Amino acid sequence: MGEHATIATTEVPKKEGGFPPFDTTTFPSQFFWLAVTFAVLFTVVWKVAGPRIKGTIATRRSAINGAIAEAAKAREAADAASAAYDRALAAARAKANGLAEETRQGINVEIAKAKTEGEAQAAAAMAAADARIEATRTQAKTHIADSARDAAIAIVARLTGETVTADEATKAVGG
C-alpha cells in the first residue's frame, strides 16, 4: 500500500442546518410562537368572527321561525277557508234538498189535485154513461113492448083476420 491511501465510507457527512421544524434546538421558540398565534387567532375568532357567525345564525333562525309562523298562519287560513267551504257546501246541499222537497211536495199536491179532478170527471162520465144506458134500456123496453104489441096485432090480423086495438094488444102481451 502506498502513501496515500483512500478510505471510502458510506456515511453521509453532517450538514449544518436542516429542516427547522425538526430542529430540536428551536422547539421552545416554536411552542412560544404557536401559543401566541393560537391566542391571536382565538381572540379574533372569539371577538370578531364569532359574533358575526352568531348574528348570521340568529338571522337565519329568525327567518326560519318567521317562515314557520307564516306557514302556520297560512295553514290556519287554509283550514278556515276549507271549513267555510264545507259550511257553504253543506248549506247549498241543504238548500237544494229543501228546494227538491218543496218541489216534490208541490208536484204531489198537483198530482193529488189532478187525480181528484180525474176521478170526479170519471165519476161524472160514469154517471152520464149509466144514465144513457138506463135511458137506452128504458127505450129498448119501450121498443120491445111496442114491437110485441105491433107483432101481436099483425099476428091476430093475419090469423083471424080481425083487427085488435093497440090497448087490447098491450094487455094481451103483458105490458
C-alpha atoms as a PDB file:
ATOM      1  CA  MET A   1       0.000   0.000   0.000  1.00  0.00           C
ATOM      2  CA  GLY A   2       1.141   3.319  -0.717  1.00  0.00           C
ATOM      3  CA  GLU A   3       1.449   6.510   0.971  1.00  0.00           C
ATOM      4  CA  HIS A   4      -1.723   7.934   0.023  1.00  0.00           C
ATOM      5  CA  ALA A   5      -4.424   5.641   0.988  1.00  0.00           C
ATOM      6  CA  THR A   6      -8.000   6.465   0.332  1.00  0.00           C
ATOM      7  CA  ILE A   7     -10.611   5.443   2.808  1.00  0.00           C
ATOM      8  CA  ALA A   8     -14.107   5.030   1.497  1.00  0.00           C
ATOM      9  CA  THR A   9     -17.077   5.097   3.844  1.00  0.00           C
ATOM     10  CA  THR A  10     -20.820   5.072   3.363  1.00  0.00           C
ATOM     11  CA  GLU A  11     -21.619   7.777   5.892  1.00  0.00           C
ATOM     12  CA  VAL A  12     -23.242  10.975   4.754  1.00  0.00           C
ATOM     13  CA  PRO A  13     -21.378  13.961   6.061  1.00  0.00           C
ATOM     14  CA  LYS A  14     -23.396  16.076   8.572  1.00  0.00           C
ATOM     15  CA  LYS A  15     -24.777  19.274   7.073  1.00  0.00           C
ATOM     16  CA  GLU A  16     -25.335  22.408   9.039  1.00  0.00           C
ATOM     17  CA  GLY A  17     -28.959  23.484   9.479  1.00  0.00           C
ATOM     18  CA  GLY A  18     -31.612  21.099   8.141  1.00  0.00           C
ATOM     19  CA  PHE A  19     -35.398  21.389   8.226  1.00  0.00           C
ATOM     20  CA  PRO A  20     -36.143  23.904  11.029  1.00  0.00           C
ATOM     21  CA  PRO A  21     -39.338  22.316  12.461  1.00  0.00           C
ATOM     22  CA  PHE A  22     -37.375  19.168  13.106  1.00  0.00           C
ATOM     23  CA  ASP A  23     -34.517  21.015  14.772  1.00  0.00           C
ATOM     24  CA  THR A  24     -34.865  20.255  18.478  1.00  0.00           C
ATOM     25  CA  THR A  25     -32.935  23.315  19.475  1.00  0.00           C
ATOM     26  CA  THR A  26     -35.750  25.577  18.171  1.00  0.00           C
ATOM     27  CA  PHE A  27     -38.646  23.748  19.890  1.00  0.00           C
ATOM     28  CA  PRO A  28     -39.099  26.266  22.754  1.00  0.00           C
ATOM     29  CA  SER A  29     -39.409  29.246  20.389  1.00  0.00           C
ATOM     30  CA  GLN A  30     -41.694  27.242  18.093  1.00  0.00           C
ATOM     31  CA  PHE A  31     -44.016  26.460  21.046  1.00  0.00           C
ATOM     32  CA  PHE A  32     -43.979  30.129  22.080  1.00  0.00           C
ATOM     33  CA  TRP A  33     -44.974  31.388  18.628  1.00  0.00           C
ATOM     34  CA  LEU A  34     -47.570  28.604  18.299  1.00  0.00           C
ATOM     35  CA  ALA A  35     -49.148  29.732  21.575  1.00  0.00           C
ATOM     36  CA  VAL A  36     -49.064  33.428  20.541  1.00  0.00           C
ATOM     37  CA  THR A  37     -50.527  32.689  17.108  1.00  0.00           C
ATOM     38  CA  PHE A  38     -53.210  30.440  18.616  1.00  0.00           C
ATOM     39  CA  ALA A  39     -54.113  33.128  21.178  1.00  0.00           C
ATOM     40  CA  VAL A  40     -54.343  35.823  18.490  1.00  0.00           C
ATOM     41  CA  LEU A  41     -56.430  33.654  16.173  1.00  0.00           C
ATOM     42  CA  PHE A  42     -58.638  32.526  19.053  1.00  0.00           C
ATOM     43  CA  THR A  43     -59.215  36.145  20.100  1.00  0.00           C
ATOM     44  CA  VAL A  44     -60.018  37.202  16.522  1.00  0.00           C
ATOM     45  CA  VAL A  45     -62.458  34.325  16.088  1.00  0.00           C
ATOM     46  CA  TRP A  46     -63.953  34.895  19.539  1.00  0.00           C
ATOM     47  CA  LYS A  47     -64.340  38.681  19.280  1.00  0.00           C
ATOM     48  CA  VAL A  48     -64.882  39.257  15.545  1.00  0.00           C
ATOM     49  CA  ALA A  49     -65.900  36.135  13.644  1.00  0.00           C
ATOM     50  CA  GLY A  50     -67.900  34.542  16.488  1.00  0.00           C
ATOM     51  CA  PRO A  51     -70.394  37.395  16.836  1.00  0.00           C
ATOM     52  CA  ARG A  52     -70.750  37.581  13.057  1.00  0.00           C
ATOM     53  CA  ILE A  53     -71.427  33.849  12.861  1.00  0.00           C
ATOM     54  CA  LYS A  54     -73.831  34.095  15.813  1.00  0.00           C
ATOM     55  CA  GLY A  55     -75.569  37.041  14.134  1.00  0.00           C
ATOM     56  CA  THR A  56     -75.895  35.105  10.882  1.00  0.00           C
ATOM     57  CA  ILE A  57     -77.230  32.059  12.736  1.00  0.00           C
ATOM     58  CA  ALA A  58     -79.667  34.256  14.680  1.00  0.00           C
ATOM     59  CA  THR A  59     -80.818  35.944  11.467  1.00  0.00           C
ATOM     60  CA  ARG A  60     -81.321  32.592   9.764  1.00  0.00           C
ATOM     61  CA  ARG A  61     -83.082  31.194  12.814  1.00  0.00           C
ATOM     62  CA  SER A  62     -85.435  34.202  12.957  1.00  0.00           C
ATOM     63  CA  ALA A  63     -86.074  33.911   9.210  1.00  0.00           C
ATOM     64  CA  ILE A  64     -86.835  30.202   9.595  1.00  0.00           C
ATOM     65  CA  ASN A  65     -89.056  30.864  12.612  1.00  0.00           C
ATOM     66  CA  GLY A  66     -90.806  33.643  10.672  1.00  0.00           C
ATOM     67  CA  ALA A  67     -91.342  31.305   7.727  1.00  0.00           C
ATOM     68  CA  ILE A  68     -92.700  28.634  10.075  1.00  0.00           C
ATOM     69  CA  ALA A  69     -95.037  31.203  11.659  1.00  0.00           C
ATOM     70  CA  GLU A  70     -96.211  32.342   8.220  1.00  0.00           C
ATOM     71  CA  ALA A  71     -96.733  28.734   7.203  1.00  0.00           C
ATOM     72  CA  ALA A  72     -98.756  28.146  10.377  1.00  0.00           C
ATOM     73  CA  LYS A  73    -100.861  31.248   9.626  1.00  0.00           C
ATOM     74  CA  ALA A  74    -101.338  30.113   6.034  1.00  0.00           C
ATOM     75  CA  ARG A  75    -102.324  26.670   7.262  1.00  0.00           C
ATOM     76  CA  GLU A  76    -104.831  28.196   9.690  1.00  0.00           C
ATOM     77  CA  ALA A  77    -106.198  30.359   6.880  1.00  0.00           C
ATOM     78  CA  ALA A  78    -106.421  27.316   4.614  1.00  0.00           C
ATOM     79  CA  ASP A  79    -108.177  25.362   7.369  1.00  0.00           C
ATOM     80  CA  ALA A  80    -110.583  28.264   7.902  1.00  0.00           C
ATOM     81  CA  ALA A  81    -111.209  28.504   4.151  1.00  0.00           C
ATOM     82  CA  SER A  82    -111.766  24.754   3.997  1.00  0.00           C
ATOM     83  CA  ALA A  83    -114.202  24.939   6.913  1.00  0.00           C
ATOM     84  CA  ALA A  84    -116.020  27.857   5.264  1.00  0.00           C
ATOM     85  CA  TYR A  85    -116.170  25.907   2.005  1.00  0.00           C
ATOM     86  CA  ASP A  86    -117.549  22.871   3.832  1.00  0.00           C
ATOM     87  CA  ARG A  87    -120.156  25.042   5.575  1.00  0.00           C
ATOM     88  CA  ALA A  88    -121.137  26.703   2.288  1.00  0.00           C
ATOM     89  CA  LEU A  89    -121.324  23.321   0.585  1.00  0.00           C
ATOM     90  CA  ALA A  90    -123.478  21.921   3.396  1.00  0.00           C
ATOM     91  CA  ALA A  91    -125.738  24.991   3.238  1.00  0.00           C
ATOM     92  CA  ALA A  92    -126.050  24.661  -0.537  1.00  0.00           C
ATOM     93  CA  ARG A  93    -126.875  20.963  -0.202  1.00  0.00           C
ATOM     94  CA  ALA A  94    -129.451  21.725   2.482  1.00  0.00           C
ATOM     95  CA  LYS A  95    -130.975  24.455   0.302  1.00  0.00           C
ATOM     96  CA  ALA A  96    -131.016  22.135  -2.722  1.00  0.00           C
ATOM     97  CA  ASN A  97    -132.604  19.374  -0.644  1.00  0.00           C
ATOM     98  CA  GLY A  98    -135.166  21.868   0.675  1.00  0.00           C
ATOM     99  CA  LEU A  99    -135.978  23.060  -2.823  1.00  0.00           C
ATOM    100  CA  ALA A 100    -136.209  19.477  -4.059  1.00  0.00           C
ATOM    101  CA  GLU A 101    -138.537  18.576  -1.181  1.00  0.00           C
ATOM    102  CA  GLU A 102    -140.626  21.693  -1.789  1.00  0.00           C
ATOM    103  CA  THR A 103    -140.860  20.868  -5.491  1.00  0.00           C
ATOM    104  CA  ARG A 104    -141.683  17.236  -4.673  1.00  0.00           C
ATOM    105  CA  GLN A 105    -144.477  18.341  -2.329  1.00  0.00           C
ATOM    106  CA  GLY A 106    -145.802  20.801  -4.932  1.00  0.00           C
ATOM    107  CA  ILE A 107    -145.813  18.082  -7.565  1.00  0.00           C
ATOM    108  CA  ASN A 108    -147.533  15.681  -5.152  1.00  0.00           C
ATOM    109  CA  VAL A 109    -150.208  18.311  -4.477  1.00  0.00           C
ATOM    110  CA  GLU A 110    -150.710  18.824  -8.223  1.00  0.00           C
ATOM    111  CA  ILE A 111    -150.852  15.058  -8.760  1.00  0.00           C
ATOM    112  CA  ALA A 112    -153.421  14.686  -5.986  1.00  0.00           C
ATOM    113  CA  LYS A 113    -155.448  17.570  -7.417  1.00  0.00           C
ATOM    114  CA  ALA A 114    -155.288  16.131 -10.941  1.00  0.00           C
ATOM    115  CA  LYS A 115    -156.174  12.693  -9.581  1.00  0.00           C
ATOM    116  CA  THR A 116    -159.161  14.109  -7.694  1.00  0.00           C
ATOM    117  CA  GLU A 117    -160.285  16.036 -10.792  1.00  0.00           C
ATOM    118  CA  GLY A 118    -159.785  12.943 -12.945  1.00  0.00           C
ATOM    119  CA  GLU A 119    -161.740  10.796 -10.506  1.00  0.00           C
ATOM    120  CA  ALA A 120    -164.527  13.411 -10.412  1.00  0.00           C
ATOM    121  CA  GLN A 121    -164.600  13.549 -14.223  1.00  0.00           C
ATOM    122  CA  ALA A 122    -164.579   9.750 -14.387  1.00  0.00           C
ATOM    123  CA  ALA A 123    -167.428   9.561 -11.847  1.00  0.00           C
ATOM    124  CA  ALA A 124    -169.402  12.164 -13.821  1.00  0.00           C
ATOM    125  CA  ALA A 125    -168.732  10.291 -17.066  1.00  0.00           C
ATOM    126  CA  MET A 126    -169.778   7.008 -15.402  1.00  0.00           C
ATOM    127  CA  ALA A 127    -172.965   8.631 -14.089  1.00  0.00           C
ATOM    128  CA  ALA A 128    -173.723  10.057 -17.544  1.00  0.00           C
ATOM    129  CA  ALA A 129    -172.974   6.683 -19.130  1.00  0.00           C
ATOM    130  CA  ASP A 130    -175.201   4.919 -16.551  1.00  0.00           C
ATOM    131  CA  ALA A 131    -177.966   7.439 -17.273  1.00  0.00           C
ATOM    132  CA  ARG A 132    -177.550   6.868 -21.021  1.00  0.00           C
ATOM    133  CA  ILE A 133    -177.564   3.104 -20.502  1.00  0.00           C
ATOM    134  CA  GLU A 134    -180.699   3.339 -18.349  1.00  0.00           C
ATOM    135  CA  ALA A 135    -182.365   5.606 -20.917  1.00  0.00           C
ATOM    136  CA  THR A 136    -181.364   3.190 -23.664  1.00  0.00           C
ATOM    137  CA  ARG A 137    -182.729   0.269 -21.601  1.00  0.00           C
ATOM    138  CA  THR A 138    -185.975   2.052 -20.953  1.00  0.00           C
ATOM    139  CA  GLN A 139    -186.202   2.996 -24.613  1.00  0.00           C
ATOM    140  CA  ALA A 140    -185.344  -0.580 -25.629  1.00  0.00           C
ATOM    141  CA  LYS A 141    -188.067  -1.931 -23.304  1.00  0.00           C
ATOM    142  CA  THR A 142    -190.493   0.519 -24.819  1.00  0.00           C
ATOM    143  CA  HIS A 143    -189.456  -0.502 -28.323  1.00  0.00           C
ATOM    144  CA  ILE A 144    -189.721  -4.190 -27.407  1.00  0.00           C
ATOM    145  CA  ALA A 145    -193.181  -3.644 -25.892  1.00  0.00           C
ATOM    146  CA  ASP A 146    -194.205  -1.633 -28.946  1.00  0.00           C
ATOM    147  CA  SER A 147    -192.753  -4.264 -31.254  1.00  0.00           C
ATOM    148  CA  ALA A 148    -194.527  -7.043 -29.330  1.00  0.00           C
ATOM    149  CA  ARG A 149    -197.782  -5.095 -29.478  1.00  0.00           C
ATOM    150  CA  ASP A 150    -197.380  -4.471 -33.212  1.00  0.00           C
ATOM    151  CA  ALA A 151    -196.403  -8.110 -33.755  1.00  0.00           C
ATOM    152  CA  ALA A 152    -199.460  -9.263 -31.754  1.00  0.00           C
ATOM    153  CA  ILE A 153    -201.747  -7.029 -33.806  1.00  0.00           C
ATOM    154  CA  ALA A 154    -200.175  -8.305 -37.024  1.00  0.00           C
ATOM    155  CA  ILE A 155    -200.365 -11.971 -35.919  1.00  0.00           C
ATOM    156  CA  VAL A 156    -204.026 -11.675 -34.835  1.00  0.00           C
ATOM    157  CA  ALA A 157    -204.877  -9.849 -38.036  1.00  0.00           C
ATOM    158  CA  ARG A 158    -203.224 -12.498 -40.150  1.00  0.00           C
ATOM    159  CA  LEU A 159    -204.503 -15.479 -38.270  1.00  0.00           C
ATOM    160  CA  THR A 160    -208.007 -14.395 -37.557  1.00  0.00           C
ATOM    161  CA  GLY A 161    -208.410 -11.509 -39.836  1.00  0.00           C
ATOM    162  CA  GLU A 162    -209.779  -9.394 -37.012  1.00  0.00           C
ATOM    163  CA  THR A 163    -208.409  -6.053 -36.054  1.00  0.00           C
ATOM    164  CA  VAL A 164    -207.250  -5.664 -32.455  1.00  0.00           C
ATOM    165  CA  THR A 165    -206.769  -2.278 -30.841  1.00  0.00           C
ATOM    166  CA  ALA A 166    -203.414  -1.208 -29.511  1.00  0.00           C
ATOM    167  CA  ASP A 167    -204.678  -1.224 -25.901  1.00  0.00           C
ATOM    168  CA  GLU A 168    -206.020  -4.763 -26.232  1.00  0.00           C
ATOM    169  CA  ALA A 169    -202.762  -5.959 -27.790  1.00  0.00           C
ATOM    170  CA  THR A 170    -200.739  -4.272 -24.982  1.00  0.00           C
ATOM    171  CA  LYS A 171    -202.887  -6.009 -22.347  1.00  0.00           C
ATOM    172  CA  ALA A 172    -202.558  -9.340 -24.166  1.00  0.00           C
ATOM    173  CA  VAL A 173    -198.771  -9.077 -24.479  1.00  0.00           C
ATOM    174  CA  GLY A 174    -198.458  -8.239 -20.741  1.00  0.00           C
ATOM    175  CA  GLY A 175    -197.470  -4.684 -20.783  1.00  0.00           C
END
